[in-house]
Amino acid sequence: MMKDQQKTPEDSSRREFIKTSSLAASAFFIVPRHVLGKGFVAPSDKLNIAGIGVGGKGKSDLANFAKSPNVNIVALCDVDDRQAVASRTNFPNAKYYKDFRDMLKKEDKSIDAVSISTPDNTHAVATLAAMQMGKHVYTQKPLTHDIYEARILGQAAKKYKVITQMGNQGGSGNGVRRMKEIYDSGVIGKVDRVICWTNRPVWPQAVPTDNVDPIPKELDFDLWLGPSPKVGYNKAYLPWNWRGWWPYGTGALGDMACHIMDPVYRILPILYPVSVECSVANTWTFTLREKDNNPDWTPFSTSIHLDYPRNDGKGNIKVSWYDGGILPELPSELQPGEMFGNSDGGVLFIGKKGKLMADCYGANPRLLPLKKNENLKVKETIKRVPNEDHYLNWVDACIAGYGKGETSSPFEYAGPFTESILIGNLALRSWMLRDNPTALKTVDKYNGRKKLEWDAANMKVTNYDLANQFVKREYREGWELVL
């Protein structure tokens, strides 16, 4: 059980920015990898990385790691041969697998680290399997599909003593560091309100159907489903539309909040919200399946409101999220033609003495009105990541070794952060239950808007039990998550 969220001693240290300079190992003897044991890389060796999910984002992730002269890409894994073509071409000497479990078992002695860029539903099982084998891991955002999984991976990082990083690149950016320096200067005063917004979803929100399409010969669909329930193949699910389906993705919030809310969680004195509420656009237009326990697909547009107690006990901070074309009111301090964030979204801190805005990824922080920035003098106090490179930040930390190398978004930070974000999806999925014909036959009707009360220590909604089914999903046999 976790400690009281307002008295968690880890929070103050978590809130400190991680040292981000490249770490150089010193006074090492040149010894083989197997002598050092798992989780350590000999200075004479390169970091041997395997990729799980190597199409799309996985392809670009591997390409970024490979920019380091200290990296070898030694193994590739993808359930869809079509998606793996580019990575197999880029790394012709890397061995290729379809099942990550086979890859980890057969390549155990040749792999130091693993990059996971699968759909959200497989993040946790693949990541934990690699960690349990002593491999450093880089896992794309959101860290996990479920709140329970995020808690498990946060614990696993401490247990297995490997270098970890979530793929929210802005965490290594100069923007969020500058934003913290401005906040710490006191120029905007105490913050009690934050507004976040995104242009997502930008993927097709396909209407659910009961069509079962022929499975492409290049795709192992059963492996693609992973821990999710076994269903017939539907071409609406992939290669990238999966973000709009609850069994596989986490919607617009899961996609972008790890980028846009990172300054909120990294800078302000908060840990977990105590309540959450939402609204969802046009749920009555959804086409639902009678046989499902809940609607399968994520909504077009939402607003979510989270209430966080301050860790210092001095009140609460309310954080609001908008997506799908629903945007917050323009600040009165903005002049005509001045951008509110950027095209991908942004974040606005509202303080007692002023307002501080940044773009997506926490980039380009600036005071409002913008003329205040002309004479702003705030010292640079936080060390920057070289070239703002989130990928090489992890690579350098892996080479330095556990206890020496440090990353910008280790799972000790990314786990609680992801939990906090996914609490918003509890509200969304509970709201959507009200339109589900099967649910309404068997449970009390969810009448209209409801504020969910959250017990973080026990990972439980205390005032609407039906929402708790989304805290931890049922895993298919053979895909269970065991710490």
Protein backbone atom coordinates (compact mmCIF):
# COMPACT_ATOMS: atom_id res chain seq x y z
CA MET A 1 0.00 0.00 0.00
CA MET A 2 1.30 3.43 -0.87
CA LYS A 3 1.85 6.18 1.66
CA ASP A 4 -0.54 9.11 1.96
CA GLN A 5 -0.24 11.12 -1.21
CA GLN A 6 0.35 14.40 0.61
CA LYS A 7 3.17 12.93 2.70
CA THR A 8 5.04 10.82 0.18
CA PRO A 9 8.75 11.42 0.81
CA GLU A 10 9.60 10.23 -2.69
CA ASP A 11 7.65 13.09 -4.20
CA SER A 12 10.11 15.84 -3.42
CA SER A 13 13.00 13.86 -4.87
CA ARG A 14 10.86 12.83 -7.85
CA ARG A 15 10.13 16.46 -8.48
CA GLU A 16 13.83 17.28 -8.71
CA PHE A 17 15.11 17.39 -12.26
CA ILE A 18 17.31 14.44 -13.04
CA LYS A 19 20.93 15.10 -13.81
CA THR A 20 21.12 14.89 -17.55
CA SER A 21 24.71 15.24 -18.57
CA SER A 22 26.26 12.28 -20.35
CA LEU A 23 27.98 10.12 -17.76
CA ALA A 24 31.47 8.90 -18.50
CA ALA A 25 32.59 5.71 -16.82
CA SER A 26 36.04 5.88 -15.25
CA ALA A 27 38.63 3.46 -13.86
CA PHE A 28 37.08 0.43 -15.61
CA PHE A 29 38.99 -2.62 -16.65
CA ILE A 30 38.13 -3.98 -20.09
CA VAL A 31 36.19 -7.14 -19.38
CA PRO A 32 33.65 -9.17 -21.35
CA ARG A 33 29.91 -8.49 -20.95
CA HIS A 34 29.16 -11.87 -19.37
CA VAL A 35 31.64 -11.26 -16.54
CA LEU A 36 29.87 -8.04 -15.53
CA GLY A 37 26.50 -9.76 -15.51
CA LYS A 38 23.09 -8.62 -16.72
CA GLY A 39 22.34 -4.92 -16.69
CA PHE A 40 25.94 -3.84 -17.20
CA VAL A 41 27.82 -3.03 -20.39
CA ALA A 42 31.58 -3.31 -20.62
CA PRO A 43 33.25 -0.06 -21.71
CA SER A 44 34.84 -2.00 -24.57
CA ASP A 45 31.41 -3.01 -25.88
CA LYS A 46 28.59 -1.27 -27.65
CA LEU A 47 25.08 -1.24 -26.25
CA ASN A 48 23.21 -4.04 -28.01
CA ILE A 49 19.57 -3.04 -28.49
CA ALA A 50 16.59 -5.13 -29.61
CA GLY A 51 13.40 -3.58 -30.92
CA ILE A 52 9.89 -4.86 -30.17
CA GLY A 53 7.47 -3.25 -32.61
CA VAL A 54 9.75 -1.92 -35.34
CA GLY A 55 7.35 -0.26 -37.77
CA GLY A 56 6.00 3.27 -37.49
CA LYS A 57 7.26 4.86 -34.29
CA GLY A 58 9.43 1.82 -33.60
CA LYS A 59 11.28 2.44 -36.84
CA SER A 60 12.11 6.04 -35.91
CA ASP A 61 13.02 5.04 -32.35
CA LEU A 62 15.60 2.54 -33.55
CA ALA A 63 16.98 5.03 -36.07
CA ASN A 64 17.49 7.55 -33.26
CA PHE A 65 19.28 5.03 -31.05
CA ALA A 66 21.49 4.02 -33.96
CA LYS A 67 22.77 7.60 -34.28
CA SER A 68 25.03 6.81 -31.34
CA PRO A 69 28.38 5.23 -32.32
CA ASN A 70 28.03 3.17 -29.14
CA VAL A 71 24.92 1.29 -30.27
CA ASN A 72 24.30 -1.92 -32.18
CA ILE A 73 20.77 -2.88 -33.26
CA VAL A 74 21.03 -6.66 -32.92
CA ALA A 75 17.46 -8.00 -33.03
CA LEU A 76 14.07 -6.96 -34.40
CA CYS A 77 10.59 -8.19 -33.55
CA ASP A 78 7.27 -7.36 -35.17
CA VAL A 79 4.04 -9.31 -35.57
CA ASP A 80 3.50 -7.76 -39.02
CA ASP A 81 6.14 -8.39 -41.67
CA ARG A 82 4.80 -5.46 -43.69
CA GLN A 83 5.58 -3.00 -40.89
CA ALA A 84 9.06 -4.45 -40.35
CA VAL A 85 10.34 -3.94 -43.89
CA ALA A 86 12.07 -0.60 -43.36
CA SER A 87 13.79 -1.59 -40.10
CA ARG A 88 14.94 -4.90 -41.57
CA THR A 89 16.42 -2.96 -44.47
CA ASN A 90 18.09 -0.43 -42.17
CA PHE A 91 19.55 -3.14 -39.94
CA PRO A 92 20.17 -6.15 -42.20
CA ASN A 93 22.38 -7.94 -39.68
CA ALA A 94 19.75 -7.89 -36.94
CA LYS A 95 17.94 -11.18 -36.35
CA TYR A 96 14.19 -11.03 -36.92
CA TYR A 97 11.38 -12.51 -34.82
CA LYS A 98 7.60 -12.29 -34.63
CA ASP A 99 7.15 -13.21 -30.95
CA PHE A 100 9.08 -11.05 -28.49
CA ARG A 101 9.08 -13.88 -25.98
CA ASP A 102 11.03 -16.06 -28.42
CA MET A 103 13.41 -13.21 -29.17
CA LEU A 104 14.18 -12.52 -25.52
CA LYS A 105 14.78 -16.18 -24.80
CA LYS A 106 17.00 -16.88 -27.81
CA GLU A 107 18.88 -13.59 -27.79
CA ASP A 108 19.31 -13.29 -24.02
CA LYS A 109 23.10 -13.31 -24.08
CA SER A 110 23.40 -10.85 -26.97
CA ILE A 111 20.90 -8.18 -25.80
CA ASP A 112 21.66 -5.43 -23.28
CA ALA A 113 18.59 -3.26 -23.81
CA VAL A 114 15.15 -3.32 -25.42
CA SER A 115 13.03 -0.65 -27.10
CA ILE A 116 9.25 -1.27 -26.97
CA SER A 117 7.07 0.54 -29.52
CA THR A 118 4.03 -1.71 -29.79
CA PRO A 119 0.39 -0.65 -29.41
CA ASP A 120 -0.40 0.32 -25.81
CA ASN A 121 -2.00 -3.02 -24.91
CA THR A 122 1.35 -4.85 -25.12
CA HIS A 123 3.61 -2.25 -23.51
CA ALA A 124 3.53 -3.64 -19.99
CA VAL A 125 3.91 -7.36 -20.74
CA ALA A 126 6.81 -6.81 -23.14
CA THR A 127 8.51 -4.28 -20.88
CA LEU A 128 8.25 -6.39 -17.73
CA ALA A 129 9.50 -9.50 -19.55
CA ALA A 130 12.61 -7.60 -20.65
CA MET A 131 13.21 -6.11 -17.21
CA GLN A 132 12.93 -9.52 -15.57
CA MET A 133 15.75 -10.68 -17.81
CA GLY A 134 17.92 -7.80 -16.67
CA LYS A 135 17.53 -5.70 -19.80
CA HIS A 136 17.41 -1.91 -19.83
CA VAL A 137 14.16 -0.71 -21.37
CA TYR A 138 12.88 2.26 -23.36
CA THR A 139 9.08 2.10 -23.65
CA GLN A 140 6.96 4.42 -25.69
CA LYS A 141 4.30 6.59 -24.08
CA PRO A 142 1.94 6.08 -22.44
CA LEU A 143 4.01 3.71 -20.37
CA THR A 144 1.08 1.30 -20.01
CA HIS A 145 -2.49 0.64 -21.06
CA ASP A 146 -3.86 0.37 -17.51
CA ILE A 147 -3.33 2.07 -14.15
CA TYR A 148 -2.43 -1.24 -12.51
CA GLU A 149 0.29 -1.87 -15.09
CA ALA A 150 1.84 1.54 -14.46
CA ARG A 151 2.04 0.78 -10.73
CA ILE A 152 3.68 -2.58 -11.50
CA LEU A 153 6.33 -1.13 -13.82
CA GLY A 154 7.17 1.60 -11.32
CA GLN A 155 7.83 -1.11 -8.73
CA ALA A 156 9.70 -3.26 -11.24
CA ALA A 157 12.21 -0.49 -11.98
CA LYS A 158 13.38 -0.62 -8.36
CA LYS A 159 13.25 -4.41 -8.10
CA TYR A 160 15.19 -5.32 -11.24
CA LYS A 161 17.68 -2.44 -11.15
CA VAL A 162 17.78 -1.60 -14.84
CA ILE A 163 17.88 1.74 -16.66
CA THR A 164 14.42 2.83 -17.80
CA GLN A 165 12.97 5.60 -19.93
CA MET A 166 9.45 6.42 -21.14
CA GLY A 167 9.31 7.87 -24.65
CA ASN A 168 8.01 11.35 -23.86
CA GLN A 169 10.76 13.23 -25.65
CA GLY A 170 9.88 16.60 -24.18
CA GLY A 171 11.10 15.30 -20.84
CA SER A 172 14.65 15.86 -22.11
CA GLY A 173 13.85 19.20 -23.70
CA ASN A 174 15.11 22.62 -22.68
CA GLY A 175 11.56 23.95 -22.67
CA VAL A 176 10.32 22.15 -19.58
CA ARG A 177 13.53 23.03 -17.74
CA ARG A 178 13.15 26.69 -18.61
CA MET A 179 9.49 26.53 -17.61
CA LYS A 180 10.47 25.22 -14.18
CA GLU A 181 13.07 27.97 -13.75
CA ILE A 182 10.44 30.61 -14.54
CA TYR A 183 7.95 28.96 -12.18
CA ASP A 184 10.53 28.67 -9.40
CA SER A 185 11.37 32.37 -9.75
CA GLY A 186 7.92 33.15 -8.34
CA VAL A 187 7.00 35.50 -11.16
CA ILE A 188 3.55 33.91 -11.67
CA GLY A 189 2.95 33.14 -8.01
CA LYS A 190 1.12 30.14 -6.59
CA VAL A 191 -0.59 28.05 -9.29
CA ASP A 192 -3.99 26.56 -8.57
CA ARG A 193 -5.30 26.03 -12.11
CA VAL A 194 -3.79 24.44 -15.23
CA ILE A 195 -5.30 24.09 -18.71
CA CYS A 196 -4.07 21.48 -21.23
CA TRP A 197 -5.27 20.84 -24.77
CA THR A 198 -4.43 18.85 -27.91
CA ASN A 199 -5.49 18.57 -31.54
CA ARG A 200 -5.81 14.78 -31.21
CA PRO A 201 -7.38 12.49 -32.28
CA VAL A 202 -5.99 12.73 -35.79
CA TRP A 203 -6.48 9.04 -36.57
CA PRO A 204 -9.67 7.59 -38.10
CA GLN A 205 -12.33 6.94 -35.44
CA ALA A 206 -13.92 4.00 -37.28
CA VAL A 207 -17.44 2.90 -36.37
CA PRO A 208 -17.37 -0.58 -34.76
CA THR A 209 -18.75 -3.37 -36.93
CA ASP A 210 -18.99 -7.13 -36.62
CA ASN A 211 -17.17 -7.64 -39.89
CA VAL A 212 -14.41 -10.22 -39.82
CA ASP A 213 -11.88 -9.54 -42.56
CA PRO A 214 -9.35 -12.03 -43.94
CA ILE A 215 -6.09 -11.88 -41.97
CA PRO A 216 -3.17 -10.70 -44.14
CA LYS A 217 -0.61 -13.48 -44.57
CA GLU A 218 2.17 -11.22 -43.25
CA LEU A 219 0.36 -10.62 -39.94
CA ASP A 220 0.20 -12.84 -36.86
CA PHE A 221 -3.01 -11.34 -35.53
CA ASP A 222 -3.11 -13.51 -32.41
CA LEU A 223 0.28 -12.13 -31.34
CA TRP A 224 -0.88 -8.61 -32.21
CA LEU A 225 -3.82 -9.00 -29.82
CA GLY A 226 -1.41 -10.00 -27.05
CA PRO A 227 -3.15 -9.71 -23.66
CA SER A 228 -6.39 -8.40 -25.22
CA PRO A 229 -9.48 -10.58 -25.73
CA LYS A 230 -9.46 -12.84 -28.75
CA VAL A 231 -11.62 -11.36 -31.53
CA GLY A 232 -11.87 -11.69 -35.29
CA TYR A 233 -9.51 -9.60 -37.39
CA ASN A 234 -10.86 -6.25 -38.56
CA LYS A 235 -8.79 -4.03 -40.82
CA ALA A 236 -10.03 -1.02 -38.83
CA TYR A 237 -7.69 -1.99 -35.96
CA LEU A 238 -4.28 -1.56 -37.58
CA PRO A 239 -1.67 -0.58 -38.54
CA TRP A 240 -2.30 2.66 -36.64
CA ASN A 241 -6.02 3.06 -35.98
CA TRP A 242 -5.63 1.03 -32.79
CA ARG A 243 -5.35 4.25 -30.76
CA GLY A 244 -9.09 4.73 -31.23
CA TRP A 245 -10.03 1.34 -29.71
CA TRP A 246 -10.07 0.78 -25.96
CA PRO A 247 -8.81 -2.83 -26.02
CA TYR A 248 -5.58 -1.70 -27.73
CA GLY A 249 -5.13 2.05 -27.23
CA THR A 250 -5.77 4.79 -24.70
CA GLY A 251 -7.33 7.48 -26.87
CA ALA A 252 -6.25 11.08 -27.30
CA LEU A 253 -5.43 11.44 -23.59
CA GLY A 254 -3.09 8.44 -23.60
CA ASP A 255 -1.49 9.53 -26.84
CA MET A 256 -0.65 13.13 -25.97
CA ALA A 257 -0.94 13.82 -22.24
CA CYS A 258 2.50 12.31 -21.56
CA HIS A 259 3.85 15.12 -23.76
CA ILE A 260 1.55 17.99 -22.86
CA MET A 261 1.06 17.31 -19.14
CA ASP A 262 4.72 16.54 -18.45
CA PRO A 263 5.45 20.12 -17.31
CA VAL A 264 2.42 19.95 -15.00
CA TYR A 265 3.52 16.75 -13.30
CA ARG A 266 7.24 17.48 -13.37
CA ILE A 267 7.05 21.03 -12.01
CA LEU A 268 4.04 21.32 -9.69
CA PRO A 269 3.79 19.72 -6.20
CA ILE A 270 1.26 17.00 -7.09
CA LEU A 271 1.15 13.21 -7.23
CA TYR A 272 -2.32 11.67 -7.74
CA PRO A 273 -5.73 13.32 -8.14
CA VAL A 274 -8.47 12.68 -5.60
CA SER A 275 -11.29 13.11 -8.11
CA VAL A 276 -11.97 13.24 -11.82
CA GLU A 277 -14.94 14.16 -14.00
CA CYS A 278 -15.46 14.47 -17.73
CA SER A 279 -17.82 15.14 -20.57
CA VAL A 280 -17.91 13.32 -23.91
CA ALA A 281 -19.27 14.64 -27.19
CA ASN A 282 -22.15 12.85 -28.90
CA THR A 283 -21.97 9.47 -27.19
CA TRP A 284 -25.47 8.74 -28.45
CA THR A 285 -24.11 8.48 -32.01
CA PHE A 286 -21.80 5.59 -31.15
CA THR A 287 -22.64 2.24 -32.71
CA LEU A 288 -22.23 -0.28 -29.90
CA ARG A 289 -21.99 -4.04 -29.82
CA GLU A 290 -24.58 -5.78 -27.67
CA LYS A 291 -22.12 -8.56 -26.82
CA ASP A 292 -19.50 -6.20 -25.42
CA ASN A 293 -19.30 -5.21 -21.76
CA ASN A 294 -18.33 -1.70 -22.75
CA PRO A 295 -18.03 0.39 -25.92
CA ASP A 296 -14.90 -0.56 -27.83
CA TRP A 297 -13.88 2.75 -29.25
CA THR A 298 -12.63 6.00 -27.87
CA PRO A 299 -14.72 9.19 -28.26
CA PHE A 300 -14.22 11.97 -30.78
CA SER A 301 -14.05 14.85 -28.30
CA THR A 302 -13.71 15.07 -24.53
CA SER A 303 -12.99 17.35 -21.63
CA ILE A 304 -11.52 15.97 -18.39
CA HIS A 305 -11.07 17.71 -15.05
CA LEU A 306 -8.68 16.38 -12.39
CA ASP A 307 -8.41 17.66 -8.82
CA TYR A 308 -4.94 17.25 -7.25
CA PRO A 309 -4.10 17.95 -3.61
CA ARG A 310 -0.83 19.85 -3.27
CA ASN A 311 1.86 17.78 -1.57
CA ASP A 312 2.63 20.67 0.76
CA GLY A 313 -0.96 20.63 2.05
CA LYS A 314 -1.65 24.15 0.79
CA GLY A 315 -4.83 23.59 -1.17
CA ASN A 316 -5.52 21.88 -4.47
CA ILE A 317 -4.54 22.29 -8.11
CA LYS A 318 -7.21 21.70 -10.74
CA VAL A 319 -6.02 20.43 -14.12
CA SER A 320 -8.31 20.43 -17.16
CA TRP A 321 -7.78 18.57 -20.46
CA TYR A 322 -9.46 19.23 -23.83
CA ASP A 323 -9.21 17.22 -27.04
CA GLY A 324 -10.95 16.53 -30.35
CA GLY A 325 -11.43 20.14 -31.35
CA ILE A 326 -12.81 21.27 -27.99
CA LEU A 327 -10.54 24.10 -26.89
CA PRO A 328 -10.30 26.17 -23.72
CA GLU A 329 -11.14 29.85 -23.70
CA LEU A 330 -8.41 32.09 -25.08
CA PRO A 331 -6.58 33.98 -22.34
CA SER A 332 -7.48 37.65 -22.32
CA GLU A 333 -3.75 38.49 -22.31
CA LEU A 334 -3.27 37.10 -25.84
CA GLN A 335 -3.37 39.68 -28.60
CA PRO A 336 -4.99 39.04 -32.01
CA GLY A 337 -2.81 36.73 -34.09
CA GLU A 338 -0.78 35.42 -31.15
CA MET A 339 -0.75 31.62 -30.94
CA PHE A 340 -2.35 29.79 -28.02
CA GLY A 341 0.20 27.01 -27.64
CA ASN A 342 0.97 25.53 -31.07
CA SER A 343 -0.86 23.39 -33.63
CA ASP A 344 -0.41 20.21 -31.53
CA GLY A 345 -1.68 21.76 -28.32
CA GLY A 346 -0.24 23.31 -25.22
CA VAL A 347 -0.38 23.98 -21.49
CA LEU A 348 -1.25 27.08 -19.46
CA PHE A 349 -0.31 27.59 -15.80
CA ILE A 350 -2.60 30.11 -14.10
CA GLY A 351 -0.94 31.67 -11.06
CA LYS A 352 -1.95 34.28 -8.53
CA LYS A 353 0.38 36.82 -10.12
CA GLY A 354 0.47 35.78 -13.77
CA LYS A 355 0.19 33.13 -16.47
CA LEU A 356 2.82 30.87 -18.04
CA MET A 357 2.18 29.08 -21.35
CA ALA A 358 4.08 26.46 -23.36
CA ASP A 359 3.59 24.53 -26.58
CA CYS A 360 3.27 20.77 -26.92
CA TYR A 361 6.28 18.96 -25.33
CA GLY A 362 6.65 21.90 -22.94
CA ALA A 363 8.44 23.80 -25.69
CA ASN A 364 8.79 27.57 -25.94
CA PRO A 365 7.57 28.60 -22.47
CA ARG A 366 6.50 32.24 -22.23
CA LEU A 367 4.69 34.57 -19.90
CA LEU A 368 1.41 36.23 -20.79
CA PRO A 369 1.05 38.86 -22.02
CA LEU A 370 4.00 38.18 -24.29
CA LYS A 371 5.54 41.62 -23.72
CA LYS A 372 6.47 40.42 -20.20
CA ASN A 373 9.14 38.18 -21.74
CA GLU A 374 11.09 41.12 -23.18
CA ASN A 375 12.71 42.00 -19.86
CA LEU A 376 12.42 38.63 -18.13
CA LYS A 377 15.62 37.79 -16.25
CA VAL A 378 15.57 34.29 -14.77
CA LYS A 379 18.84 32.44 -14.19
CA GLU A 380 19.49 29.05 -15.75
CA THR A 381 19.79 26.70 -12.78
CA ILE A 382 18.88 23.29 -14.25
CA LYS A 383 21.38 21.26 -16.23
CA ARG A 384 20.28 20.56 -19.79
CA VAL A 385 20.33 17.28 -21.70
CA PRO A 386 22.93 17.44 -24.48
CA ASN A 387 21.14 18.28 -27.73
CA GLU A 388 17.83 17.69 -25.90
CA ASP A 389 18.24 14.06 -27.05
CA HIS A 390 15.88 11.77 -25.13
CA TYR A 391 17.18 8.70 -26.95
CA LEU A 392 20.87 9.24 -26.31
CA ASN A 393 20.05 10.28 -22.76
CA TRP A 394 18.90 6.67 -22.26
CA VAL A 395 21.76 5.15 -24.25
CA ASP A 396 24.38 7.01 -22.22
CA ALA A 397 22.69 6.03 -18.96
CA CYS A 398 22.59 2.36 -20.00
CA ILE A 399 26.30 2.40 -20.81
CA ALA A 400 27.07 4.05 -17.47
CA GLY A 401 25.06 1.36 -15.68
CA TYR A 402 22.38 1.20 -13.02
CA GLY A 403 23.13 3.50 -10.10
CA LYS A 404 25.39 5.68 -12.24
CA GLY A 405 23.36 6.52 -15.34
CA GLU A 406 20.24 8.66 -15.02
CA THR A 407 17.44 9.35 -17.46
CA SER A 408 14.87 12.11 -17.81
CA SER A 409 11.76 9.92 -17.51
CA PRO A 410 12.69 6.81 -15.51
CA PHE A 411 9.81 4.54 -14.56
CA GLU A 412 9.99 5.77 -10.96
CA TYR A 413 8.71 9.04 -12.44
CA ALA A 414 6.88 7.75 -15.52
CA GLY A 415 4.89 5.11 -13.60
CA PRO A 416 3.08 7.51 -11.25
CA PHE A 417 2.78 10.07 -14.05
CA THR A 418 1.10 7.51 -16.34
CA GLU A 419 -1.22 6.41 -13.52
CA SER A 420 -2.25 10.01 -13.01
CA ILE A 421 -3.05 10.44 -16.70
CA LEU A 422 -4.97 7.19 -17.07
CA ILE A 423 -7.28 8.15 -14.20
CA GLY A 424 -8.83 10.49 -16.78
CA ASN A 425 -9.72 7.46 -18.89
CA LEU A 426 -11.58 5.94 -15.93
CA ALA A 427 -13.96 8.86 -16.18
CA LEU A 428 -14.29 8.57 -19.97
CA ARG A 429 -14.98 4.86 -19.97
CA SER A 430 -17.43 5.13 -17.09
CA TRP A 431 -19.29 7.90 -18.91
CA MET A 432 -19.53 5.72 -22.01
CA LEU A 433 -21.05 2.84 -20.04
CA ARG A 434 -24.26 4.78 -19.76
CA ASP A 435 -24.88 4.24 -23.49
CA ASN A 436 -24.10 0.52 -23.42
CA PRO A 437 -27.25 -1.61 -23.81
CA THR A 438 -25.77 -4.66 -22.03
CA ALA A 439 -24.47 -2.69 -19.06
CA LEU A 440 -27.80 -0.92 -18.56
CA LYS A 441 -29.60 -4.25 -18.29
CA THR A 442 -27.44 -5.47 -15.44
CA VAL A 443 -26.29 -2.46 -13.42
CA ASP A 444 -27.68 0.76 -12.10
CA LYS A 445 -27.86 3.33 -14.84
CA TYR A 446 -25.08 5.88 -14.83
CA ASN A 447 -27.29 8.95 -14.93
CA GLY A 448 -25.45 11.83 -16.51
CA ARG A 449 -22.29 13.44 -15.27
CA LYS A 450 -20.52 11.88 -12.31
CA LYS A 451 -17.41 12.91 -10.41
CA LEU A 452 -15.35 9.82 -9.58
CA GLU A 453 -13.56 9.83 -6.24
CA TRP A 454 -10.15 8.17 -6.42
CA ASP A 455 -8.28 6.28 -3.67
CA ALA A 456 -4.73 6.24 -5.07
CA ALA A 457 -3.22 4.06 -2.36
CA ASN A 458 -5.62 1.24 -3.21
CA MET A 459 -6.06 2.11 -6.91
CA LYS A 460 -9.82 2.22 -6.53
CA VAL A 461 -12.80 4.42 -7.38
CA THR A 462 -14.74 4.64 -4.13
CA ASN A 463 -18.11 5.96 -5.32
CA TYR A 464 -18.79 4.05 -8.56
CA ASP A 465 -17.61 0.45 -8.47
CA LEU A 466 -18.34 -0.25 -12.12
CA ALA A 467 -15.44 2.06 -13.07
CA ASN A 468 -12.95 -0.22 -11.31
CA GLN A 469 -13.07 -2.79 -14.08
CA PHE A 470 -10.89 -0.37 -16.08
CA VAL A 471 -8.15 -0.12 -13.45
CA LYS A 472 -6.89 -3.61 -14.29
CA ARG A 473 -8.12 -5.54 -17.31
CA GLU A 474 -8.45 -9.28 -17.68
CA TYR A 475 -5.47 -10.82 -19.47
CA ARG A 476 -5.69 -13.65 -21.92
CA GLU A 477 -4.17 -16.89 -20.70
CA GLY A 478 -0.42 -16.88 -21.22
CA TRP A 479 -0.16 -13.08 -21.14
CA GLU A 480 -0.53 -12.42 -17.41
CA LEU A 481 1.53 -9.68 -15.77
CA VAL A 482 3.44 -11.08 -12.79
CA LEU A 483 6.02 -8.98 -10.96
